Amino acid sequence: MSPTQRAAHWHQQNVREVQALQKEPTPYLYTRLRALAFKGRTRKCRYLVEYIIKERKEKPNVQLYNALILSNVSHEDGGAWRVSDYLDEMREAGLQPEVGTCHAVLKVVAVHPDHLLRADILEYMRTRWYQLSEEGAHDVAAGLLREGLFEQAMHRIEGMQRAGIQMQGWLLDMAVHMLCTAGEVEEAYRIMRQRYDTGELNISRTLWYTLLDTGSSYRHHASTALIWNSQVNTAYLNPASGVCLNVLTTAAKAGDAVLATDVFTHLSKRGTAFTPAHYQLLIDCYLAANPPDLKRALSILTIMALEKMADPSPAETRSLYIHLRSQPSLVAEAFTILRALRAEDRKIPIAALNLIIECYVEQKNLAEAMKVYKLIHTFIPASQIGTLKTLANIETFNLLLRGCRLADPPDEALASFLVSELLALRVKPTALTYDRLILVFVQAGTLALESAKQPNEPVIVEARRKKGIELLDWAFRHFTDMQAVSGTTNPTKSATPQEGTLGWMPRFGTVERLAVQLAEVGDTRCWDVLQTGEDHGAKGGLEHAWEAKGKWVRRNVEEAWRGATGEDGLTGGDPADIVPEARAVAAAAA
């Protein structure tokens, strides 16, 4: 049906209804008109008013205009602009709006917001000493809410409550919905809390769910806990899994272990398959509690090990790491807890032990980190004793190699031992393993060369210098070993990259440091390192860092080379003639 046909249909229907009222007395028509106006029948009211004026010879009066104004409460056919036109007509006809007219206008602008019209009517009522009814006060507050004037609306509502006005549920429901939509969770919670404390019955479950969804997404603990305890635990609500995850996150932030446990219970009854994210939030919850419950937080890692999921990754231990890093004295206690859990025949994942090692490495306490490493075999499950040599993985060795670099002085001997241990256990190294190994030897060599610059006996100075150059040579050897490993070859075996492919590369900073240190001792292999880095950078390697900073690396290497040899680049002779130790080491490497 086209719009024209639809309009014609409505016109004919309204004409028939008006014709049916021809036998009715005029007072009945007024009563019928008011009933239609309350229902928002805008068109029927207009036809009926026209009939009363034309056929019943009634003069335009306030009652007729009141009905015409009130009929605009229809959200489809009504409009505040039409109300303004009716008020202008009344003014031209010499009719003064009365109390009923003003309240009809307020009801319309509660549906069709018009701030100026509302303000004019309220000012008119004040000057005429008209009393605002309870229903009118509700309409004013509803209009302010629709306009987004939440502060004024809440001021009105609070004033009504102080005046002892019986608040209608629809207005409070509307306030909560709109406050939640606007993100004003605290104010929405205050309204619902007051209604709950006063024992109000029949509050919409949809309203409770809306506040739970919004409150948990905004991490508002008070509203989330209220609704979960009063509605979810009593089986009035069954929130979606996404909402449950938000509730769990809110509990983790607030340290509410009881609420977090309730969420887990609810999800388990539903048969939800838990993910590492759920357990991580539970760990965060125990750590955020007052006081923090370290034992329960660590025990969650053992529960994860029992579930049918991959072993916890370092990502699941970040909150524990941050907690232990902020309180270094708790690291030993955490390891004691893990040993106690193992004594209870609990399965301890290697991620938990790596966490302890990482904390000791952060404290630059390599000795304690190695003690933990040497005890890792005691955490092997009884069913795997004899078939599994150790729980240590590549993350364990990478952390220990980082500890060797952070040690004072860097412990290159221990780093070499760890590499041999890694190969003996057939643990597959990664690019980070080589990277940190190179850094250990570069830093150790740099320290030895710096100590050679201190005043001392010539024999001691010479010995320190030779040691520094030898350590740099080992760093370069590890660099070349790393180059011989491609992404498709087994790094535990000797291999060369296939033609046209590039091997593994250290991180950008490691390449720069190795090249600069070799240049400072006049070792021509610095140009090999630099060229390799540029080759990788040209093919998009090194995380595109070479494209942005490669020219500065070359400048640093050239300056270091110039300081060691007095020459620019590779011109001016063999640098091994200037630095004999470098020539000897290079020959030995060949």
Protein backbone atom coordinates (compact mmCIF):
# COMPACT_ATOMS: atom_id res chain seq x y z
CA MET A 1 0.00 0.00 0.00
CA SER A 2 1.43 3.36 -1.06
CA PRO A 3 1.54 6.34 1.36
CA THR A 4 -1.31 8.01 -0.57
CA GLN A 5 -3.48 4.93 -0.35
CA ARG A 6 -2.68 4.53 3.33
CA ALA A 7 -3.69 8.14 4.04
CA ALA A 8 -6.94 7.68 2.14
CA HIS A 9 -7.65 4.51 4.10
CA TRP A 10 -7.13 6.31 7.44
CA HIS A 11 -9.31 9.19 6.29
CA GLN A 12 -12.20 6.90 5.39
CA GLN A 13 -11.90 4.98 8.64
CA ASN A 14 -11.90 8.16 10.72
CA VAL A 15 -14.94 9.48 8.81
CA ARG A 16 -16.85 6.27 9.52
CA GLU A 17 -16.02 6.43 13.24
CA VAL A 18 -17.11 10.06 13.44
CA GLN A 19 -20.34 9.28 11.60
CA ALA A 20 -21.03 6.54 14.12
CA LEU A 21 -20.95 9.20 16.88
CA GLN A 22 -23.59 11.44 15.26
CA LYS A 23 -26.36 10.07 17.48
CA GLU A 24 -24.32 10.56 20.66
CA PRO A 25 -24.81 13.65 22.87
CA THR A 26 -22.15 16.33 22.90
CA PRO A 27 -20.91 15.65 26.50
CA TYR A 28 -20.25 12.07 25.44
CA LEU A 29 -18.23 13.34 22.50
CA TYR A 30 -16.04 15.35 24.87
CA THR A 31 -15.51 12.26 27.00
CA ARG A 32 -14.70 10.23 23.90
CA LEU A 33 -12.28 12.95 22.77
CA ARG A 34 -10.36 12.85 26.05
CA ALA A 35 -10.10 9.06 25.85
CA LEU A 36 -8.70 9.26 22.33
CA ALA A 37 -6.27 11.97 23.37
CA PHE A 38 -4.87 9.85 26.22
CA LYS A 39 -4.26 7.03 23.74
CA GLY A 40 -2.39 9.37 21.36
CA ARG A 41 -4.91 9.02 18.50
CA THR A 42 -3.83 12.24 16.82
CA ARG A 43 -5.80 11.95 13.57
CA LYS A 44 -9.02 10.76 15.18
CA CYS A 45 -8.86 13.60 17.66
CA ARG A 46 -8.52 16.14 14.87
CA TYR A 47 -11.48 14.69 12.95
CA LEU A 48 -13.61 14.59 16.08
CA VAL A 49 -12.77 18.17 17.02
CA GLU A 50 -13.65 19.31 13.50
CA TYR A 51 -16.96 17.45 13.79
CA ILE A 52 -17.75 19.01 17.16
CA ILE A 53 -17.02 22.51 15.89
CA LYS A 54 -18.68 22.22 12.47
CA GLU A 55 -21.63 19.94 13.21
CA ARG A 56 -22.33 20.59 16.89
CA LYS A 57 -21.61 24.30 16.54
CA GLU A 58 -19.23 24.31 19.56
CA LYS A 59 -16.88 27.25 19.76
CA PRO A 60 -13.15 26.51 20.08
CA ASN A 61 -12.41 26.16 23.78
CA VAL A 62 -9.70 25.08 26.18
CA GLN A 63 -11.02 21.53 26.51
CA LEU A 64 -10.79 20.96 22.77
CA TYR A 65 -7.28 22.35 22.61
CA ASN A 66 -6.24 20.31 25.65
CA ALA A 67 -7.31 17.14 23.83
CA LEU A 68 -5.58 18.17 20.62
CA ILE A 69 -2.34 18.91 22.53
CA LEU A 70 -2.46 15.71 24.58
CA SER A 71 -3.06 13.56 21.51
CA ASN A 72 0.51 14.40 20.40
CA VAL A 73 1.93 11.95 22.95
CA SER A 74 1.94 9.49 20.06
CA HIS A 75 5.57 8.75 19.20
CA GLU A 76 4.61 8.25 15.54
CA ASP A 77 2.13 11.00 14.73
CA GLY A 78 2.78 13.51 17.51
CA GLY A 79 5.27 16.35 17.64
CA ALA A 80 6.25 19.25 19.86
CA TRP A 81 6.06 21.62 16.90
CA ARG A 82 2.32 20.93 16.54
CA VAL A 83 1.83 21.72 20.23
CA SER A 84 3.48 25.09 19.68
CA ASP A 85 1.06 25.74 16.80
CA TYR A 86 -1.94 24.89 19.01
CA LEU A 87 -0.70 27.25 21.73
CA ASP A 88 -0.36 30.02 19.15
CA GLU A 89 -3.92 29.36 17.96
CA MET A 90 -5.19 29.57 21.54
CA ARG A 91 -3.40 32.88 22.02
CA GLU A 92 -4.93 34.26 18.82
CA ALA A 93 -8.36 33.06 19.90
CA GLY A 94 -7.96 34.77 23.29
CA LEU A 95 -7.85 31.50 25.22
CA GLN A 96 -5.53 31.22 28.20
CA PRO A 97 -3.85 27.85 28.90
CA GLU A 98 -5.04 26.35 32.16
CA VAL A 99 -3.43 23.77 34.46
CA GLY A 100 -4.66 20.88 32.32
CA THR A 101 -3.20 22.48 29.22
CA CYS A 102 0.20 22.93 30.85
CA HIS A 103 0.31 19.33 32.05
CA ALA A 104 -0.70 18.11 28.59
CA VAL A 105 2.21 20.05 27.10
CA LEU A 106 4.63 18.60 29.67
CA LYS A 107 3.45 15.11 28.84
CA VAL A 108 4.02 15.69 25.12
CA VAL A 109 7.52 17.14 25.54
CA ALA A 110 8.38 14.13 27.71
CA VAL A 111 7.92 12.08 24.53
CA HIS A 112 9.11 14.67 21.99
CA PRO A 113 11.88 16.61 23.79
CA ASP A 114 11.73 20.38 23.44
CA HIS A 115 13.73 22.13 26.14
CA LEU A 116 12.57 25.65 25.30
CA LEU A 117 8.89 24.74 25.23
CA ARG A 118 9.18 22.96 28.57
CA ALA A 119 10.98 25.90 30.12
CA ASP A 120 8.31 28.32 28.84
CA ILE A 121 5.48 26.21 30.25
CA LEU A 122 7.15 25.82 33.65
CA GLU A 123 7.77 29.56 33.79
CA TYR A 124 4.13 30.23 32.80
CA MET A 125 2.94 27.91 35.58
CA ARG A 126 5.18 29.67 38.10
CA THR A 127 3.86 33.11 37.20
CA ARG A 128 0.24 31.87 37.37
CA TRP A 129 0.85 30.01 40.65
CA TYR A 130 -0.18 26.72 39.04
CA GLN A 131 0.77 23.68 41.09
CA LEU A 132 2.79 20.97 39.36
CA SER A 133 1.13 17.61 39.95
CA GLU A 134 2.98 14.40 40.78
CA GLU A 135 2.29 13.10 37.28
CA GLY A 136 3.57 16.35 35.81
CA ALA A 137 6.74 16.10 37.89
CA HIS A 138 7.32 12.62 36.47
CA ASP A 139 6.83 13.97 32.95
CA VAL A 140 9.35 16.78 33.52
CA ALA A 141 11.95 14.32 34.81
CA ALA A 142 11.31 11.96 31.88
CA GLY A 143 11.77 14.79 29.40
CA LEU A 144 15.07 15.81 30.97
CA LEU A 145 16.27 12.21 30.76
CA ARG A 146 15.37 12.02 27.08
CA GLU A 147 17.34 15.18 26.42
CA GLY A 148 20.40 13.73 28.18
CA LEU A 149 20.24 16.32 30.98
CA PHE A 150 20.96 13.67 33.58
CA GLU A 151 22.12 16.00 36.33
CA GLN A 152 18.94 18.07 36.16
CA ALA A 153 16.80 14.94 35.88
CA MET A 154 18.38 13.36 38.96
CA HIS A 155 17.98 16.64 40.84
CA ARG A 156 14.26 16.53 40.00
CA ILE A 157 13.94 12.89 41.04
CA GLU A 158 15.75 13.48 44.33
CA GLY A 159 13.52 16.47 45.01
CA MET A 160 10.44 14.34 44.41
CA GLN A 161 11.76 11.71 46.80
CA ARG A 162 12.46 14.31 49.49
CA ALA A 163 8.94 15.66 49.03
CA GLY A 164 7.54 12.20 49.74
CA ILE A 165 6.12 11.70 46.24
CA GLN A 166 5.44 8.09 45.38
CA MET A 167 7.90 7.36 42.59
CA GLN A 168 6.54 5.48 39.60
CA GLY A 169 8.56 2.45 38.57
CA TRP A 170 8.52 3.38 34.89
CA LEU A 171 10.43 6.60 35.56
CA LEU A 172 13.10 4.87 37.64
CA ASP A 173 13.40 2.10 35.04
CA MET A 174 13.82 4.73 32.35
CA ALA A 175 16.45 6.55 34.42
CA VAL A 176 18.48 3.37 34.95
CA HIS A 177 18.31 2.38 31.28
CA MET A 178 19.38 5.79 30.04
CA LEU A 179 22.11 6.21 32.65
CA CYS A 180 23.52 2.82 31.67
CA THR A 181 23.44 3.80 28.01
CA ALA A 182 25.35 6.98 28.87
CA GLY A 183 27.89 5.06 30.98
CA GLU A 184 26.76 6.67 34.26
CA VAL A 185 26.96 3.37 36.11
CA GLU A 186 27.46 4.80 39.60
CA GLU A 187 24.23 6.82 39.45
CA ALA A 188 22.30 3.89 37.96
CA TYR A 189 23.62 1.65 40.74
CA ARG A 190 22.57 4.16 43.41
CA ILE A 191 18.97 4.11 42.11
CA MET A 192 18.83 0.31 41.95
CA ARG A 193 20.47 -0.07 45.34
CA GLN A 194 17.87 2.21 46.90
CA ARG A 195 15.03 0.31 45.26
CA TYR A 196 16.51 -3.01 46.37
CA ASP A 197 17.04 -1.85 49.96
CA THR A 198 13.46 -0.55 50.22
CA GLY A 199 12.19 -3.98 49.20
CA GLU A 200 10.59 -2.92 45.93
CA LEU A 201 9.09 -5.90 44.17
CA ASN A 202 8.68 -6.70 40.49
CA ILE A 203 11.76 -4.88 39.27
CA SER A 204 12.26 -5.92 35.67
CA ARG A 205 14.78 -8.70 35.11
CA THR A 206 15.73 -6.96 31.90
CA LEU A 207 16.67 -3.92 33.97
CA TRP A 208 18.82 -6.03 36.31
CA TYR A 209 20.50 -7.63 33.30
CA THR A 210 21.15 -4.25 31.69
CA LEU A 211 22.87 -2.96 34.81
CA LEU A 212 24.87 -6.19 35.19
CA ASP A 213 26.05 -6.00 31.59
CA THR A 214 26.95 -2.31 31.78
CA GLY A 215 28.38 -2.39 35.29
CA SER A 216 30.64 -5.36 34.59
CA SER A 217 31.83 -3.87 31.28
CA TYR A 218 32.78 -0.69 33.17
CA ARG A 219 34.39 -2.80 35.95
CA HIS A 220 32.00 -1.36 38.54
CA HIS A 221 32.35 -3.79 41.39
CA ALA A 222 29.50 -2.66 43.66
CA SER A 223 26.75 -2.98 41.04
CA THR A 224 28.20 -6.22 39.66
CA ALA A 225 28.39 -7.87 43.09
CA LEU A 226 24.88 -6.73 44.04
CA ILE A 227 23.23 -8.18 40.94
CA TRP A 228 25.27 -11.38 40.93
CA ASN A 229 24.48 -12.14 44.58
CA SER A 230 20.81 -11.14 44.45
CA GLN A 231 19.81 -12.25 40.96
CA VAL A 232 22.29 -14.74 39.47
CA ASN A 233 23.01 -16.80 42.58
CA THR A 234 19.26 -17.04 43.17
CA ALA A 235 18.72 -18.24 39.57
CA TYR A 236 16.63 -15.23 38.52
CA LEU A 237 19.18 -14.36 35.85
CA ASN A 238 21.37 -16.53 33.63
CA PRO A 239 23.91 -14.13 32.06
CA ALA A 240 25.70 -14.88 28.82
CA SER A 241 29.27 -16.16 28.86
CA GLY A 242 30.59 -12.80 27.69
CA VAL A 243 28.92 -11.06 30.62
CA CYS A 244 30.32 -13.70 32.96
CA LEU A 245 33.81 -12.99 31.65
CA ASN A 246 33.26 -9.28 32.33
CA VAL A 247 32.09 -10.12 35.85
CA LEU A 248 35.19 -12.24 36.37
CA THR A 249 37.38 -9.37 35.15
CA THR A 250 35.61 -6.99 37.54
CA ALA A 251 36.16 -9.39 40.44
CA ALA A 252 39.84 -9.72 39.49
CA LYS A 253 40.27 -5.95 39.49
CA ALA A 254 38.55 -5.60 42.87
CA GLY A 255 40.21 -8.65 44.42
CA ASP A 256 36.83 -10.27 45.17
CA ALA A 257 37.77 -13.94 45.31
CA VAL A 258 34.28 -15.00 46.42
CA LEU A 259 32.65 -13.41 43.39
CA ALA A 260 35.30 -14.88 41.07
CA THR A 261 34.73 -18.35 42.51
CA ASP A 262 30.97 -17.96 42.07
CA VAL A 263 31.49 -17.10 38.41
CA PHE A 264 33.64 -20.20 37.91
CA THR A 265 30.98 -22.32 39.60
CA HIS A 266 28.26 -20.85 37.41
CA LEU A 267 30.24 -21.44 34.22
CA SER A 268 31.19 -24.99 35.20
CA LYS A 269 27.52 -25.88 35.76
CA ARG A 270 26.86 -24.60 32.25
CA GLY A 271 29.63 -26.83 30.88
CA THR A 272 31.83 -23.98 29.69
CA ALA A 273 35.26 -24.96 28.42
CA PHE A 274 37.66 -22.79 30.40
CA THR A 275 40.48 -21.01 28.62
CA PRO A 276 43.78 -19.66 29.97
CA ALA A 277 42.13 -16.20 30.10
CA HIS A 278 39.69 -17.43 32.77
CA TYR A 279 42.46 -18.81 34.96
CA GLN A 280 44.60 -15.73 34.45
CA LEU A 281 41.76 -13.55 35.74
CA LEU A 282 41.38 -15.83 38.76
CA ILE A 283 45.10 -15.45 39.48
CA ASP A 284 44.76 -11.68 39.21
CA CYS A 285 41.86 -11.84 41.64
CA TYR A 286 43.85 -13.65 44.32
CA LEU A 287 46.78 -11.26 43.91
CA ALA A 288 44.52 -8.19 44.13
CA ALA A 289 42.87 -9.43 47.33
CA ASN A 290 43.65 -7.84 50.66
CA PRO A 291 45.93 -9.43 51.73
CA PRO A 292 47.15 -11.11 48.51
CA ASP A 293 46.83 -14.89 48.52
CA LEU A 294 50.04 -16.01 46.80
CA LYS A 295 49.52 -19.70 47.52
CA ARG A 296 46.11 -19.83 45.86
CA ALA A 297 47.39 -17.82 42.91
CA LEU A 298 50.23 -20.29 42.35
CA SER A 299 47.91 -23.25 42.84
CA ILE A 300 45.85 -22.02 39.87
CA LEU A 301 48.85 -22.81 37.66
CA THR A 302 48.78 -26.40 38.89
CA ILE A 303 45.04 -26.60 38.13
CA MET A 304 45.74 -25.38 34.60
CA ALA A 305 48.28 -28.16 34.23
CA LEU A 306 45.56 -30.70 35.05
CA GLU A 307 43.07 -29.34 32.52
CA LYS A 308 43.08 -30.49 28.93
CA MET A 309 44.86 -27.45 27.61
CA ALA A 310 48.39 -26.46 26.72
CA ASP A 311 50.83 -25.82 29.55
CA PRO A 312 50.66 -22.28 30.93
CA SER A 313 52.67 -19.86 28.85
CA PRO A 314 54.71 -16.92 30.17
CA ALA A 315 51.70 -14.70 29.39
CA GLU A 316 49.68 -16.43 32.12
CA THR A 317 52.36 -15.69 34.72
CA ARG A 318 52.74 -11.94 34.04
CA SER A 319 50.56 -10.83 36.95
CA LEU A 320 52.51 -13.15 39.28
CA TYR A 321 55.77 -11.79 37.90
CA ILE A 322 54.73 -8.19 38.49
CA HIS A 323 53.61 -9.05 42.02
CA LEU A 324 56.87 -10.84 42.89
CA ARG A 325 58.99 -8.18 41.21
CA SER A 326 57.41 -5.50 43.39
CA GLN A 327 58.16 -7.60 46.52
CA PRO A 328 61.48 -9.42 45.93
CA SER A 329 61.36 -11.03 49.37
CA LEU A 330 58.40 -13.16 48.25
CA VAL A 331 60.33 -14.98 45.51
CA ALA A 332 61.85 -17.50 47.92
CA GLU A 333 58.45 -17.97 49.55
CA ALA A 334 56.88 -18.61 46.14
CA PHE A 335 59.44 -21.33 45.39
CA THR A 336 58.78 -22.89 48.81
CA ILE A 337 55.05 -22.93 47.99
CA LEU A 338 55.74 -24.69 44.69
CA ARG A 339 57.83 -27.33 46.44
CA ALA A 340 55.04 -27.83 48.99
CA LEU A 341 52.51 -28.25 46.20
CA ARG A 342 54.79 -30.78 44.54
CA ALA A 343 54.98 -32.66 47.84
CA GLU A 344 51.17 -32.88 47.67
CA ASP A 345 51.65 -34.66 44.33
CA ARG A 346 50.42 -31.65 42.37
CA LYS A 347 51.67 -31.22 38.82
CA ILE A 348 53.89 -28.14 38.63
CA PRO A 349 54.15 -26.65 35.12
CA ILE A 350 57.55 -25.46 33.93
CA ALA A 351 56.06 -21.95 33.50
CA ALA A 352 55.81 -21.68 37.29
CA LEU A 353 59.48 -22.63 37.75
CA ASN A 354 60.53 -20.30 34.94
CA LEU A 355 58.68 -17.56 36.78
CA ILE A 356 60.91 -18.04 39.83
CA ILE A 357 64.03 -18.07 37.65
CA GLU A 358 62.88 -14.91 35.87
CA CYS A 359 62.37 -13.12 39.18
CA TYR A 360 65.87 -14.04 40.37
CA VAL A 361 67.31 -12.95 37.03
CA GLU A 362 65.53 -9.62 37.40
CA GLN A 363 67.18 -9.27 40.82
CA LYS A 364 70.54 -10.12 39.16
CA ASN A 365 70.79 -13.07 41.52
CA LEU A 366 72.16 -15.65 39.11
CA ALA A 367 73.27 -18.00 41.89
CA GLU A 368 69.70 -18.48 43.18
CA ALA A 369 68.40 -18.83 39.63
CA MET A 370 70.86 -21.68 39.03
CA LYS A 371 69.80 -23.34 42.29
CA VAL A 372 66.23 -23.40 41.02
CA TYR A 373 67.42 -24.79 37.69
CA LYS A 374 69.32 -27.59 39.39
CA LEU A 375 66.16 -28.56 41.32
CA ILE A 376 63.88 -28.62 38.29
CA HIS A 377 64.32 -32.37 37.89
CA THR A 378 62.68 -32.87 41.32
CA PHE A 379 59.42 -31.55 39.89
CA ILE A 380 59.14 -34.26 37.25
CA PRO A 381 55.85 -36.17 37.77
CA ALA A 382 56.29 -39.65 39.23
CA SER A 383 54.81 -41.22 36.10
CA GLN A 384 57.55 -39.66 33.93
CA ILE A 385 60.58 -40.31 36.11
CA GLY A 386 63.10 -42.29 34.06
CA THR A 387 61.61 -41.28 30.73
CA LEU A 388 61.98 -37.52 31.10
CA LYS A 389 65.35 -36.00 31.97
CA THR A 390 64.14 -32.53 32.88
CA LEU A 391 61.17 -30.18 32.67
CA ALA A 392 63.38 -27.33 31.49
CA ASN A 393 62.42 -25.86 28.13
CA ILE A 394 63.98 -23.26 25.88
CA GLU A 395 62.37 -20.47 27.91
CA THR A 396 64.32 -21.71 30.93
CA PHE A 397 67.64 -21.49 29.14
CA ASN A 398 66.83 -18.14 27.56
CA LEU A 399 66.13 -16.70 31.00
CA LEU A 400 69.36 -18.10 32.43
CA LEU A 401 71.37 -16.72 29.49
CA ARG A 402 69.84 -13.34 30.21
CA GLY A 403 70.96 -13.77 33.81
CA CYS A 404 74.51 -14.49 32.60
CA ARG A 405 74.50 -11.18 30.73
CA LEU A 406 73.06 -9.20 33.65
CA ALA A 407 75.57 -10.70 36.11
CA ASP A 408 78.43 -8.50 37.30
CA PRO A 409 80.72 -9.42 35.64
CA PRO A 410 78.97 -11.26 32.78
CA ASP A 411 79.45 -14.99 33.21
CA GLU A 412 80.47 -16.32 29.79
CA ALA A 413 81.68 -19.61 31.26
CA LEU A 414 78.26 -20.39 32.70
CA ALA A 415 76.67 -19.36 29.41
CA SER A 416 78.84 -21.89 27.57
CA PHE A 417 77.88 -24.55 30.10
CA LEU A 418 74.18 -23.78 29.60
CA VAL A 419 74.55 -24.14 25.85
CA SER A 420 76.21 -27.53 26.23
CA GLU A 421 73.48 -28.53 28.69
CA LEU A 422 70.82 -27.39 26.26
CA LEU A 423 72.29 -29.48 23.45
CA ALA A 424 72.74 -32.50 25.70
CA LEU A 425 69.07 -32.36 26.68
CA ARG A 426 68.12 -31.94 23.02
CA VAL A 427 66.23 -28.74 23.69
CA LYS A 428 65.71 -26.85 20.43
CA PRO A 429 67.22 -23.34 20.62
CA THR A 430 65.57 -20.28 19.18
CA ALA A 431 66.87 -17.08 17.64
CA LEU A 432 66.60 -15.47 21.09
CA THR A 433 68.92 -18.14 22.49
CA TYR A 434 71.68 -17.20 20.06
CA ASP A 435 70.95 -13.52 20.54
CA ARG A 436 71.44 -13.65 24.29
CA LEU A 437 74.49 -15.87 23.95
CA ILE A 438 76.10 -13.32 21.64
CA LEU A 439 75.28 -10.51 24.08
CA VAL A 440 76.94 -12.38 26.95
CA PHE A 441 80.22 -12.67 25.08
CA VAL A 442 80.07 -9.15 23.64
CA GLN A 443 79.48 -7.67 27.07
CA ALA A 444 82.13 -9.83 28.71
CA GLY A 445 84.64 -8.93 25.97
CA THR A 446 83.81 -5.22 26.26
CA LEU A 447 84.33 -5.33 30.02
CA ALA A 448 87.69 -7.10 29.62
CA LEU A 449 88.87 -4.52 27.08
CA GLU A 450 87.80 -1.66 29.34
CA SER A 451 89.68 -3.19 32.27
CA ALA A 452 92.78 -3.40 30.04
CA LYS A 453 92.71 0.38 29.79
CA GLN A 454 93.21 0.71 33.57
CA PRO A 455 96.79 1.36 34.78
CA ASN A 456 98.41 -1.95 35.68
CA GLU A 457 101.37 -4.17 34.94
CA PRO A 458 101.93 -4.65 31.18
CA VAL A 459 101.54 -8.41 31.45
CA ILE A 460 98.14 -8.09 33.11
CA VAL A 461 96.99 -5.43 30.66
CA GLU A 462 98.05 -7.57 27.72
CA ALA A 463 96.31 -10.64 29.15
CA ARG A 464 93.08 -8.72 29.65
CA ARG A 465 93.25 -7.32 26.15
CA LYS A 466 93.78 -10.77 24.63
CA LYS A 467 90.88 -12.14 26.67
CA GLY A 468 88.59 -9.35 25.50
CA ILE A 469 89.44 -9.95 21.84
CA GLU A 470 89.01 -13.70 22.28
CA LEU A 471 85.55 -13.19 23.82
CA LEU A 472 84.54 -10.96 20.91
CA ASP A 473 85.78 -13.66 18.57
CA TRP A 474 83.49 -16.16 20.31
CA ALA A 475 80.61 -13.70 19.95
CA PHE A 476 81.26 -13.54 16.21
CA ARG A 477 81.45 -17.34 16.00
CA HIS A 478 78.04 -17.61 17.65
CA PHE A 479 76.82 -15.02 15.17
CA THR A 480 77.99 -17.13 12.23
CA ASP A 481 76.53 -20.25 13.83
CA MET A 482 73.24 -18.44 14.04
CA GLN A 483 73.50 -17.46 10.41
CA ALA A 484 73.85 -21.12 9.50
CA VAL A 485 70.39 -21.84 10.91
CA SER A 486 67.37 -21.19 8.69
CA GLY A 487 63.76 -21.43 9.66
CA THR A 488 63.49 -24.91 8.10
CA THR A 489 66.68 -26.51 9.42
CA ASN A 490 67.26 -28.23 12.72
CA PRO A 491 69.28 -25.82 14.88
CA THR A 492 70.77 -28.65 16.94
CA LYS A 493 72.71 -29.83 13.87
CA SER A 494 75.29 -28.12 11.75
CA ALA A 495 73.65 -26.71 8.66
CA THR A 496 74.01 -24.02 6.10
CA PRO A 497 71.14 -21.98 4.79
CA GLN A 498 69.79 -22.91 1.45
CA GLU A 499 70.77 -20.73 -1.45
CA GLY A 500 68.61 -17.62 -1.64
CA THR A 501 67.49 -17.90 1.98
CA LEU A 502 68.68 -15.96 5.01
CA GLY A 503 69.54 -17.54 8.33
CA TRP A 504 68.45 -16.40 11.75
CA MET A 505 69.48 -12.94 12.87
CA PRO A 506 69.93 -11.40 16.31
CA ARG A 507 67.87 -8.42 17.32
CA PHE A 508 68.73 -5.05 15.83
CA GLY A 509 70.53 -3.76 18.93
CA THR A 510 72.60 -6.92 19.22
CA VAL A 511 73.80 -6.63 15.61
CA GLU A 512 74.77 -3.02 16.16
CA ARG A 513 76.64 -3.74 19.38
CA LEU A 514 78.59 -6.67 17.93
CA ALA A 515 79.60 -4.67 14.85
CA VAL A 516 80.68 -1.62 16.87
CA GLN A 517 82.72 -3.66 19.36
CA LEU A 518 84.53 -5.51 16.57
CA ALA A 519 85.24 -2.18 14.89
CA GLU A 520 86.68 -0.76 18.10
CA VAL A 521 89.37 -3.46 18.13
CA GLY A 522 90.01 -3.08 14.40
CA ASP A 523 88.53 -6.45 13.45
CA THR A 524 87.51 -6.44 9.77
CA ARG A 525 84.72 -8.86 10.53
CA CYS A 526 82.71 -5.86 11.76
CA TRP A 527 81.98 -5.16 8.07
CA ASP A 528 80.69 -8.70 7.62
CA VAL A 529 78.27 -8.19 10.52
CA LEU A 530 77.21 -4.82 9.15
CA GLN A 531 76.70 -6.19 5.64
CA THR A 532 74.67 -9.13 6.93
CA GLY A 533 72.44 -6.77 8.86
CA GLU A 534 71.92 -4.61 5.81
CA ASP A 535 71.09 -7.67 3.69
CA HIS A 536 68.45 -8.74 6.17
CA GLY A 537 67.12 -5.22 6.43
CA ALA A 538 66.80 -4.98 2.66
CA LYS A 539 64.59 -8.10 2.70
CA GLY A 540 62.33 -6.82 5.49
CA GLY A 541 64.13 -8.56 8.35
CA LEU A 542 65.03 -7.14 11.76
CA GLU A 543 61.45 -5.88 12.18
CA HIS A 544 62.13 -3.15 9.58
CA ALA A 545 64.41 -1.41 12.10
CA TRP A 546 67.30 -1.30 9.64
CA GLU A 547 65.33 0.80 7.21
CA ALA A 548 64.79 3.44 9.90
CA LYS A 549 68.09 3.27 11.81
CA GLY A 550 70.53 1.39 9.57
CA LYS A 551 72.40 4.55 8.49
CA TRP A 552 73.11 5.42 12.11
CA VAL A 553 74.51 1.95 12.74
CA ARG A 554 76.86 2.32 9.79
CA ARG A 555 77.95 5.71 11.06
CA ASN A 556 78.66 4.30 14.53
CA VAL A 557 80.68 1.42 13.06
CA GLU A 558 82.67 3.77 10.82
CA GLU A 559 83.44 6.08 13.75
CA ALA A 560 84.57 3.13 15.89
CA TRP A 561 86.70 1.84 13.01
CA ARG A 562 88.24 5.25 12.47
CA GLY A 563 89.07 5.50 16.18
CA ALA A 564 90.79 2.11 16.13
CA THR A 565 92.63 2.32 12.79
CA GLY A 566 92.72 5.98 11.84
CA GLU A 567 91.29 5.06 8.42
CA ASP A 568 87.88 5.39 6.79
CA GLY A 569 86.06 2.20 5.88
CA LEU A 570 88.16 -0.63 4.50
CA THR A 571 90.71 1.66 2.81
CA GLY A 572 94.20 2.27 4.06
CA GLY A 573 95.59 -1.22 4.50
CA ASP A 574 94.87 -4.31 6.49
CA PRO A 575 93.51 -3.42 9.95
CA ALA A 576 94.95 -6.67 11.27
CA ASP A 577 98.37 -5.08 10.82
CA ILE A 578 97.31 -2.36 13.21
CA VAL A 579 95.77 -4.71 15.75
CA PRO A 580 97.85 -7.92 15.76
CA GLU A 581 95.56 -9.69 18.20
CA ALA A 582 92.64 -9.28 15.83
CA ARG A 583 94.68 -10.78 13.00
CA ALA A 584 95.66 -13.79 15.11
CA VAL A 585 92.09 -14.42 16.28
CA ALA A 586 90.74 -14.08 12.74
CA ALA A 587 93.29 -16.60 11.50
CA ALA A 588 92.37 -19.02 14.27
CA ALA A 589 88.69 -18.65 13.39
CA ALA A 590 89.45 -19.44 9.75
